[in-house]
Amino acid sequence: MKSFLIPLFILAALLIGVLFLFLASPVTTLDIIQLVVIVLILAGTAIFVLDRYRSYKRKEPAEDEYSKSLNQRASAVSFYISLFLWLAIMILSNRLQLCTESWITLGILGMALTNIVVWCYFRFRGLKSE
């Protein structure tokens, strides 16, 4: 039961963040880009929560060997991709004029999106033996 409560809490926190984004100030293009990324993160987190909930309903263990290796593999690959994401952000920050907090926000959202996309990729493709 506890294994899907934490992602559910994260999902609720992201929803509150989206509401705060619209209520805080006028919406800009950067806000729309951030909102799209947040919605994609919400979709990936919802997939993760539903997967955990289905496992709970089937009385399967929360962390079996496959899910541990899936999470480890997705984390390793997304970390490697995130390094290149930060390199791209460094290059773009020299060419485009945005405040530093906007670049950091985009980088963190990009890292979260990368992790969700890679996890979904390995979840639906499966882990192949190498």
Protein backbone atom coordinates (compact mmCIF):
# COMPACT_ATOMS: atom_id res chain seq x y z
CA MET A 1 0.00 0.00 0.00
CA LYS A 2 2.79 2.44 0.87
CA SER A 3 4.57 1.74 -2.40
CA PHE A 4 2.10 3.78 -4.44
CA LEU A 5 1.27 6.45 -1.86
CA ILE A 6 4.55 8.32 -2.40
CA PRO A 7 4.09 8.67 -6.19
CA LEU A 8 0.49 9.65 -5.53
CA PHE A 9 1.73 12.40 -3.19
CA ILE A 10 4.16 13.58 -5.90
CA LEU A 11 1.31 13.62 -8.40
CA ALA A 12 -0.77 15.79 -6.05
CA ALA A 13 2.17 18.16 -5.48
CA LEU A 14 2.63 18.57 -9.25
CA LEU A 15 -1.07 19.33 -9.66
CA ILE A 16 -0.82 22.01 -6.97
CA GLY A 17 2.21 23.43 -8.81
CA VAL A 18 0.21 23.69 -12.04
CA LEU A 19 -2.61 25.50 -10.24
CA PHE A 20 -0.14 27.87 -8.59
CA LEU A 21 1.43 28.61 -12.00
CA PHE A 22 -1.86 29.91 -13.36
CA LEU A 23 -2.93 31.79 -10.24
CA ALA A 24 0.41 33.51 -9.50
CA SER A 25 0.94 35.81 -12.49
CA PRO A 26 0.19 36.34 -16.19
CA VAL A 27 1.06 33.34 -18.35
CA THR A 28 4.06 33.66 -20.72
CA THR A 29 5.41 31.37 -23.45
CA LEU A 30 7.96 29.94 -21.03
CA ASP A 31 5.14 29.17 -18.60
CA ILE A 32 3.28 27.28 -21.33
CA ILE A 33 6.41 25.24 -22.13
CA GLN A 34 6.86 24.46 -18.45
CA LEU A 35 3.19 23.52 -18.17
CA VAL A 36 3.48 21.09 -21.09
CA VAL A 37 6.51 19.45 -19.47
CA ILE A 38 4.69 19.26 -16.13
CA VAL A 39 1.67 17.63 -17.80
CA LEU A 40 3.98 15.05 -19.40
CA ILE A 41 5.56 14.38 -16.02
CA LEU A 42 2.08 14.01 -14.52
CA ALA A 43 1.16 11.50 -17.22
CA GLY A 44 4.30 9.46 -16.57
CA THR A 45 3.75 9.56 -12.82
CA ALA A 46 0.15 8.47 -13.33
CA ILE A 47 1.37 5.48 -15.36
CA PHE A 48 3.80 4.62 -12.56
CA VAL A 49 1.07 4.91 -9.90
CA LEU A 50 -1.37 2.79 -11.92
CA ASP A 51 1.32 0.15 -12.42
CA ARG A 52 1.97 0.01 -8.68
CA TYR A 53 -1.75 -0.08 -7.91
CA ARG A 54 -2.36 -2.98 -10.30
CA SER A 55 0.50 -4.89 -8.70
CA TYR A 56 -1.00 -4.20 -5.28
CA LYS A 57 -4.42 -5.47 -6.39
CA ARG A 58 -2.84 -8.70 -7.72
CA LYS A 59 -1.12 -9.11 -4.33
CA GLU A 60 2.31 -8.92 -5.94
CA PRO A 61 5.27 -7.63 -3.94
CA ALA A 62 5.90 -3.91 -4.26
CA GLU A 63 9.58 -4.23 -5.14
CA ASP A 64 10.39 -7.42 -6.96
CA GLU A 65 13.65 -8.08 -8.77
CA TYR A 66 12.32 -6.92 -12.15
CA SER A 67 11.00 -3.58 -10.90
CA LYS A 68 14.24 -2.90 -9.04
CA SER A 69 16.32 -3.58 -12.15
CA LEU A 70 13.89 -1.54 -14.26
CA ASN A 71 14.22 1.46 -11.94
CA GLN A 72 17.99 1.10 -11.75
CA ARG A 73 18.39 0.84 -15.52
CA ALA A 74 16.05 3.79 -16.17
CA SER A 75 17.89 5.92 -13.60
CA ALA A 76 21.28 5.10 -15.08
CA VAL A 77 20.26 5.92 -18.64
CA SER A 78 18.34 9.06 -17.70
CA PHE A 79 21.31 10.33 -15.68
CA TYR A 80 23.55 9.95 -18.73
CA ILE A 81 21.02 11.75 -20.93
CA SER A 82 20.61 14.49 -18.31
CA LEU A 83 24.31 15.29 -18.54
CA PHE A 84 23.84 16.12 -22.21
CA LEU A 85 20.68 18.06 -21.37
CA TRP A 86 22.64 20.32 -19.00
CA LEU A 87 25.32 20.76 -21.67
CA ALA A 88 22.64 21.86 -24.14
CA ILE A 89 21.22 24.25 -21.53
CA MET A 90 24.67 25.76 -21.01
CA ILE A 91 25.05 26.33 -24.75
CA LEU A 92 21.54 27.78 -25.11
CA SER A 93 21.97 30.06 -22.09
CA ASN A 94 24.77 31.86 -23.93
CA ARG A 95 22.59 32.44 -26.98
CA LEU A 96 19.17 33.15 -25.41
CA GLN A 97 18.50 35.70 -22.71
CA LEU A 98 16.52 34.18 -19.86
CA CYS A 99 16.97 34.59 -16.15
CA THR A 100 19.03 31.99 -14.35
CA GLU A 101 16.09 30.56 -12.41
CA SER A 102 14.24 29.88 -15.68
CA TRP A 103 17.19 27.87 -17.01
CA ILE A 104 17.45 25.93 -13.77
CA THR A 105 13.70 25.27 -13.81
CA LEU A 106 13.86 24.04 -17.39
CA GLY A 107 16.83 21.83 -16.55
CA ILE A 108 15.14 20.22 -13.55
CA LEU A 109 11.90 19.69 -15.45
CA GLY A 110 13.93 18.23 -18.33
CA MET A 111 15.65 15.82 -15.97
CA ALA A 112 12.33 14.67 -14.52
CA LEU A 113 10.82 14.30 -17.98
CA THR A 114 13.88 12.35 -19.14
CA ASN A 115 13.53 9.96 -16.22
CA ILE A 116 9.82 9.42 -16.87
CA VAL A 117 10.30 8.89 -20.61
CA VAL A 118 13.18 6.45 -20.14
CA TRP A 119 11.26 4.55 -17.44
CA CYS A 120 8.20 4.28 -19.72
CA TYR A 121 10.42 3.17 -22.60
CA PHE A 122 11.98 0.35 -20.57
CA ARG A 123 8.63 -0.53 -18.98
CA PHE A 124 6.87 -1.04 -22.30
CA ARG A 125 9.85 -2.39 -24.25
CA GLY A 126 11.13 -4.58 -21.46
CA LEU A 127 14.64 -5.16 -20.21
CA LYS A 128 16.60 -7.20 -22.69
CA SER A 129 19.58 -9.21 -21.61
CA GLU A 130 22.82 -7.81 -23.02
